[in-house]
Protein backbone atom coordinates (compact mmCIF):
# COMPACT_ATOMS: atom_id res chain seq x y z
CA MET A 1 -28.04 7.24 -12.25
CA ILE A 2 -24.74 5.48 -11.43
CA ILE A 3 -24.20 2.56 -9.09
CA VAL A 4 -20.89 1.73 -7.45
CA ILE A 5 -20.72 -1.90 -6.40
CA GLY A 6 -18.33 -3.73 -4.11
CA PHE A 7 -18.26 -4.49 -0.41
CA PRO A 8 -15.76 -3.32 2.23
CA ARG A 9 -13.14 -6.01 2.39
CA SER A 10 -13.43 -6.35 6.14
CA ARG A 11 -16.92 -7.69 5.38
CA LEU A 12 -16.06 -9.97 2.47
CA GLY A 13 -15.87 -13.18 4.49
CA GLU A 14 -19.29 -12.58 6.01
CA LEU A 15 -20.83 -11.68 2.68
CA CYS A 16 -19.25 -14.72 1.02
CA LEU A 17 -20.80 -17.00 3.60
CA ALA A 18 -24.19 -15.32 3.55
CA ALA A 19 -24.39 -15.35 -0.22
CA SER A 20 -23.24 -18.95 -0.58
CA LEU A 21 -25.73 -20.15 2.01
CA ALA A 22 -28.54 -18.20 0.35
CA LEU A 23 -27.73 -19.30 -3.17
CA GLY A 24 -26.21 -22.72 -2.57
CA ALA A 25 -23.00 -21.66 -4.26
CA ALA A 26 -19.39 -21.68 -3.14
CA PRO A 27 -18.08 -18.18 -2.47
CA VAL A 28 -15.69 -16.89 -5.09
CA LEU A 29 -14.50 -13.55 -3.74
CA ALA A 30 -10.95 -12.43 -4.21
CA GLY A 31 -11.05 -10.85 -0.77
CA CYS A 32 -12.04 -14.17 0.83
CA THR A 33 -8.52 -15.48 0.28
CA ASN A 34 -5.84 -14.54 2.75
CA ASP A 35 -2.52 -14.72 0.95
CA ASP A 36 0.87 -14.11 2.52
CA SER A 37 1.91 -10.50 2.91
CA SER A 38 3.79 -8.77 0.10
CA SER A 39 5.84 -5.66 -0.14
CA ARG A 40 7.48 -3.68 -2.88
CA THR A 41 9.91 -0.86 -3.28
CA SER A 42 8.40 1.98 -5.30
CA ALA A 43 10.28 2.97 -8.43
CA SER A 44 12.43 6.08 -8.15
CA ALA A 45 12.02 9.02 -10.46
CA ALA A 46 14.82 10.10 -12.80
CA GLY A 47 17.58 12.32 -11.47
CA PRO A 48 20.39 11.81 -8.94
CA CYS A 49 19.91 12.53 -5.26
CA PRO A 50 22.50 14.80 -3.60
CA VAL A 51 22.29 12.93 -0.27
CA ALA A 52 21.43 9.53 1.19
CA PRO A 53 17.76 8.68 0.59
CA VAL A 54 15.14 8.83 3.34
CA ASN A 55 13.76 5.42 4.35
CA VAL A 56 9.96 5.51 4.06
CA VAL A 57 7.40 2.82 4.87
CA VAL A 58 3.92 3.10 3.32
CA SER A 59 1.14 0.86 4.56
CA VAL A 60 -0.90 0.35 1.36
CA ASP A 61 -0.25 0.57 -2.36
CA GLN A 62 -2.90 3.24 -3.00
CA TRP A 63 -0.42 5.72 -1.48
CA GLY A 64 2.83 3.87 -2.19
CA ASP A 65 3.25 5.00 -5.78
CA ILE A 66 2.46 8.62 -4.87
CA VAL A 67 5.07 8.65 -2.10
CA GLY A 68 7.59 6.98 -4.41
CA THR A 69 7.07 9.64 -7.06
CA LEU A 70 7.40 12.47 -4.54
CA GLY A 71 10.56 11.00 -3.05
CA GLY A 72 12.19 9.92 -6.28
CA ASN A 73 15.81 8.85 -5.82
CA CYS A 74 15.93 10.73 -2.50
CA ALA A 75 13.55 8.27 -0.81
CA LYS A 76 13.73 4.52 -0.44
CA VAL A 77 10.04 3.58 -0.27
CA LYS A 78 8.75 0.22 0.94
CA THR A 79 5.01 -0.47 0.48
CA VAL A 80 3.76 -3.24 2.75
CA LEU A 81 0.41 -4.30 1.23
CA VAL A 82 0.29 -4.59 -2.53
CA SER A 83 -2.03 -7.59 -2.93
CA SER A 84 -5.69 -7.11 -3.74
CA SER A 85 -6.56 -10.28 -1.78
CA LEU A 86 -5.30 -8.88 1.53
CA ASP A 87 -7.69 -6.99 3.81
CA PRO A 88 -5.94 -3.90 5.23
CA HIS A 89 -8.54 -3.65 8.01
CA ASP A 90 -7.65 -6.99 9.56
CA TYR A 91 -4.08 -7.52 8.36
CA GLU A 92 -1.64 -9.09 10.84
CA PRO A 93 1.89 -7.71 10.30
CA SER A 94 4.72 -10.20 9.85
CA PRO A 95 8.20 -10.02 11.42
CA ALA A 96 9.47 -8.74 8.07
CA ASP A 97 6.98 -5.88 8.23
CA ALA A 98 8.25 -4.97 11.68
CA SER A 99 11.81 -4.85 10.33
CA TYR A 100 10.73 -2.41 7.61
CA PHE A 101 9.24 -0.11 10.24
CA SER A 102 12.22 -0.37 12.56
CA GLY A 103 14.51 1.01 9.87
CA SER A 104 12.16 3.76 8.73
CA GLN A 105 12.56 7.52 9.00
CA LEU A 106 9.01 8.29 7.86
CA VAL A 107 5.77 6.27 7.94
CA VAL A 108 2.77 7.00 5.72
CA VAL A 109 -0.60 5.39 6.44
CA ASN A 110 -4.16 5.83 5.27
CA GLY A 111 -5.88 6.01 8.67
CA ALA A 112 -9.65 6.21 9.32
CA ASP A 113 -9.59 2.59 10.58
CA TYR A 114 -8.43 1.31 7.17
CA ASP A 115 -4.97 0.13 8.23
CA PRO A 116 -4.88 0.36 12.05
CA TRP A 117 -2.12 -2.25 12.26
CA ALA A 118 0.30 0.15 10.54
CA ALA A 119 -0.12 3.01 13.00
CA LYS A 120 0.12 0.55 15.92
CA LEU A 121 3.29 -1.02 14.52
CA ALA A 122 4.83 2.40 13.99
CA ALA A 123 3.95 3.44 17.54
CA THR A 124 5.51 0.34 19.07
CA THR A 125 8.63 0.05 16.90
CA VAL A 126 9.51 3.65 16.00
CA PRO A 127 7.49 6.02 18.20
CA GLU A 128 9.94 8.85 17.50
CA VAL A 129 9.54 8.61 13.70
CA PRO A 130 7.08 11.05 12.07
CA LEU A 131 3.88 9.50 10.78
CA ILE A 132 1.70 11.00 8.06
CA SER A 133 -1.93 9.83 8.05
CA ALA A 134 -4.11 10.66 5.07
CA ALA A 135 -7.08 10.75 7.45
CA ALA A 136 -5.33 13.19 9.78
CA VAL A 137 -4.18 15.41 6.92
CA THR A 138 -7.75 15.60 5.60
CA GLN A 139 -9.37 15.68 9.07
CA THR A 140 -11.29 12.47 8.32
CA PRO A 141 -12.45 10.84 11.58
CA ASP A 142 -12.33 7.15 12.42
CA GLY A 143 -15.43 5.41 11.15
CA ALA A 144 -15.78 7.70 8.14
CA ASN A 145 -15.26 6.56 4.56
CA PRO A 146 -11.55 5.55 4.49
CA HIS A 147 -11.09 5.37 0.70
CA LEU A 148 -9.35 8.74 0.61
CA TRP A 149 -7.23 8.06 -2.46
CA TYR A 150 -10.42 8.55 -4.49
CA SER A 151 -10.58 12.16 -3.28
CA PRO A 152 -8.60 14.52 -5.55
CA ALA A 153 -8.37 17.00 -2.67
CA ALA A 154 -6.95 14.31 -0.36
CA VAL A 155 -4.35 13.31 -2.96
CA THR A 156 -3.13 16.91 -3.10
CA ALA A 157 -3.15 17.29 0.70
CA VAL A 158 -1.18 14.08 1.26
CA ALA A 159 1.32 15.00 -1.46
CA ASP A 160 1.91 18.37 0.19
CA ALA A 161 2.35 16.77 3.62
CA VAL A 162 4.78 14.13 2.34
CA THR A 163 6.89 16.70 0.48
CA ALA A 164 7.02 18.95 3.53
CA GLU A 165 8.11 16.10 5.82
CA LEU A 166 10.72 14.76 3.40
CA THR A 167 12.14 18.27 3.13
CA ARG A 168 12.27 18.61 6.90
CA LEU A 169 14.00 15.24 7.26
CA SER A 170 16.55 15.94 4.52
CA PRO A 171 17.11 19.71 4.07
CA PRO A 172 19.96 19.28 1.54
CA ALA A 173 17.45 17.58 -0.79
CA ALA A 174 14.86 20.37 -0.50
CA GLY A 175 15.32 21.48 -4.09
CA TYR A 176 15.06 17.90 -5.32
CA PHE A 177 11.80 17.31 -3.42
CA ALA A 178 10.38 20.59 -4.73
CA THR A 179 11.11 19.44 -8.28
CA GLN A 180 9.49 16.07 -7.63
CA ARG A 181 6.37 17.80 -6.25
CA THR A 182 6.16 19.96 -9.37
CA THR A 183 6.56 16.87 -11.55
CA PHE A 184 3.76 15.15 -9.66
CA THR A 185 1.49 18.16 -10.24
CA THR A 186 2.30 18.00 -13.95
CA ASP A 187 1.62 14.27 -14.05
CA LEU A 188 -1.80 14.85 -12.47
CA LYS A 189 -2.90 17.45 -15.03
CA PRO A 190 -4.65 14.92 -17.32
CA TYR A 191 -6.35 13.38 -14.26
CA ASN A 192 -7.61 16.73 -13.00
CA ALA A 193 -8.61 17.83 -16.49
CA LEU A 194 -10.69 14.70 -17.07
CA ILE A 195 -12.39 15.10 -13.68
CA ALA A 196 -13.30 18.67 -14.64
CA LYS A 197 -14.57 17.54 -18.05
CA ILE A 198 -16.78 14.79 -16.62
CA LYS A 199 -18.11 17.16 -13.97
CA ALA A 200 -18.97 19.82 -16.54
CA ALA A 201 -20.87 17.31 -18.68
CA SER A 202 -22.41 15.09 -16.00
CA SER A 203 -22.76 17.12 -12.80
CA GLY A 204 -26.15 16.56 -11.21
CA LYS A 205 -26.55 13.04 -12.52
CA SER A 206 -27.29 10.59 -9.75
CA TYR A 207 -25.44 7.47 -8.64
CA ALA A 208 -26.02 4.67 -6.18
CA ALA A 209 -23.38 2.72 -4.26
CA THR A 210 -23.24 -0.59 -2.44
CA GLU A 211 -20.27 0.82 -0.43
CA GLY A 212 -18.06 3.84 -0.35
CA ILE A 213 -15.07 3.03 -2.56
CA PHE A 214 -15.99 5.57 -5.24
CA SER A 215 -18.03 8.12 -3.29
CA TYR A 216 -15.28 10.74 -2.85
CA MET A 217 -14.68 10.77 -6.59
CA ALA A 218 -18.43 10.81 -7.23
CA ASN A 219 -18.66 13.92 -5.08
CA ALA A 220 -15.79 15.51 -6.97
CA LEU A 221 -17.62 14.76 -10.23
CA GLY A 222 -20.81 16.40 -8.94
CA LEU A 223 -22.81 13.17 -8.96
CA VAL A 224 -25.79 12.85 -6.60
CA ASP A 225 -26.01 9.81 -4.31
CA LYS A 226 -29.32 8.00 -4.86
CA THR A 227 -28.41 4.76 -3.10
CA PRO A 228 -31.60 3.05 -1.84
CA ALA A 229 -31.96 3.98 1.83
CA GLY A 230 -32.33 0.40 3.08
CA TYR A 231 -29.24 -0.75 1.27
CA ARG A 232 -27.28 2.25 2.53
CA ARG A 233 -28.29 1.51 6.11
CA ALA A 234 -27.32 -2.16 5.79
CA VAL A 235 -23.85 -1.25 4.56
CA ALA A 236 -23.41 1.43 7.23
CA ASP A 237 -24.43 -1.10 9.91
CA GLN A 238 -22.20 -3.80 8.36
CA THR A 239 -25.13 -6.16 7.89
CA ASP A 240 -26.18 -8.12 4.84
CA PRO A 241 -28.55 -6.36 2.45
CA SER A 242 -32.07 -7.75 2.54
CA PRO A 243 -33.69 -9.40 -0.49
CA GLY A 244 -35.82 -6.26 -0.79
CA ASP A 245 -32.72 -4.05 -0.88
CA LEU A 246 -31.16 -6.21 -3.59
CA ASN A 247 -34.41 -6.18 -5.52
CA ALA A 248 -34.41 -2.38 -5.42
CA PHE A 249 -31.12 -2.39 -7.33
CA ARG A 250 -32.36 -4.91 -9.87
CA THR A 251 -35.59 -2.97 -10.37
CA ALA A 252 -33.73 0.30 -10.92
CA LEU A 253 -31.52 -1.39 -13.51
CA ARG A 254 -34.46 -3.03 -15.24
CA ASN A 255 -36.29 0.30 -15.42
CA ARG A 256 -33.18 2.00 -16.80
CA GLN A 257 -33.05 4.45 -13.89
CA ILE A 258 -29.29 3.86 -13.77
CA ASP A 259 -26.85 5.08 -16.41
CA VAL A 260 -23.74 3.15 -15.36
CA LEU A 261 -22.85 0.29 -13.04
CA VAL A 262 -19.40 0.88 -11.50
CA LEU A 263 -18.11 -2.48 -10.30
CA ASN A 264 -15.18 -3.27 -8.04
CA PRO A 265 -13.49 -6.05 -10.06
CA GLN A 266 -11.59 -7.20 -6.95
CA THR A 267 -14.87 -8.25 -5.31
CA GLU A 268 -16.36 -11.33 -6.93
CA GLY A 269 -19.20 -13.58 -5.82
CA PRO A 270 -22.94 -14.20 -6.03
CA LEU A 271 -24.13 -10.81 -4.80
CA PRO A 272 -22.11 -8.51 -7.08
CA ASP A 273 -22.51 -11.02 -9.90
CA GLN A 274 -26.29 -10.69 -9.59
CA ILE A 275 -26.03 -6.93 -9.97
CA ARG A 276 -23.60 -7.21 -12.89
CA THR A 277 -25.91 -9.66 -14.65
CA ALA A 278 -28.92 -7.42 -14.07
CA ALA A 279 -27.03 -4.49 -15.56
CA GLN A 280 -25.93 -6.47 -18.60
CA GLU A 281 -29.43 -7.81 -19.19
CA SER A 282 -30.80 -4.27 -18.98
CA GLY A 283 -28.20 -2.82 -21.34
CA VAL A 284 -26.59 -0.72 -18.61
CA PRO A 285 -22.82 -0.31 -19.16
CA VAL A 286 -20.47 -1.63 -16.48
CA VAL A 287 -17.33 0.29 -15.47
CA ASP A 288 -14.63 -1.08 -13.17
CA ALA A 289 -13.32 0.90 -10.19
CA SER A 290 -10.98 -1.16 -8.02
CA GLU A 291 -10.12 -0.64 -4.37
CA THR A 292 -6.39 -1.13 -4.90
CA VAL A 293 -4.09 -0.28 -7.79
CA ALA A 294 -4.90 -2.54 -10.74
CA ALA A 295 -2.11 -4.95 -11.68
CA ARG A 296 -2.00 -3.62 -15.24
CA ASP A 297 -1.26 -0.07 -14.10
CA LYS A 298 2.24 1.22 -13.37
CA SER A 299 1.26 4.34 -11.46
CA PHE A 300 -1.51 5.95 -9.44
CA GLN A 301 -2.16 8.31 -12.36
CA SER A 302 -2.55 5.56 -14.96
CA TRP A 303 -4.82 3.56 -12.62
CA GLN A 304 -7.14 6.51 -12.03
CA MET A 305 -7.05 7.67 -15.66
CA ASP A 306 -8.01 4.21 -16.96
CA GLN A 307 -11.07 4.18 -14.71
CA LEU A 308 -12.07 7.77 -15.37
CA THR A 309 -11.73 7.26 -19.12
CA SER A 310 -14.04 4.24 -18.94
CA LEU A 311 -16.52 6.20 -16.85
CA ALA A 312 -16.41 9.11 -19.29
CA GLY A 313 -17.17 6.74 -22.14
CA ALA A 314 -20.11 5.24 -20.28
CA LEU A 315 -21.48 8.75 -19.63
CA ASN A 316 -20.94 9.74 -23.27
CA VAL A 317 -18.33 12.34 -22.29
CA PRO A 318 -15.46 12.64 -24.82
CA ALA A 319 -12.24 11.79 -22.96
């Protein structure tokens, strides 16, 4: 059985407070800090562009690198949120963010209530500019699991939508964008191959999750969700897990009913630390799966491959 641990960052402040009050400890969660906003321009792929680049704004870094790769030198991509300590759910755009949107020709957001500020800002500043929502492309409704970048099918669907819109906006660069899309497919081959390998060797194994960061990928890998029902309900209702729910996790670890603990390293504090400690004491391997692109990784592909390779090792699947 596999557990994915980490709380939705819109809930981190509440969980920090609850945990610190319960345990008498100061909260130490990365998501409890609210740093200033950051933005970055995604690196362009090799090759000259035959025309002026399309100005693209992307709300969050999980999609920023993908859009940058697809656009290459024919897109000037600005990603608004690139900090793991910023909560996309509750982010308040700055005047600089508004200026990025006002000069955009294309906006790409996640949707599904993950980054509502981005769609609102686009609607008020550039209502005539096309907007691509990963949730809309994948027909994911508001309130559903928003972590769509962990779905291989969603990654493909968004890539197709972005390429199609870039081509429509800049017809002279159609051949360039087609080449970039082919390059992206090639770059994803190791990612897709490793997913297929893990699925072939581990399909049917169960996992449990404290929230939904990894669940789309777990589904793609053929893993069965065995999250304790009480814990699942607490997370769905955005309430704190009860002591009994937490004890269910610890008991499952102690009884070796869990093969791997998948931990969001960007969520730190008493509650996840308890689960990590229980796993380590029980000899259960811990694998990191972060909500946003890890600082050490230079691309979406390398970020996902690092995590999948670790997971494969924990499941005894040769990577």
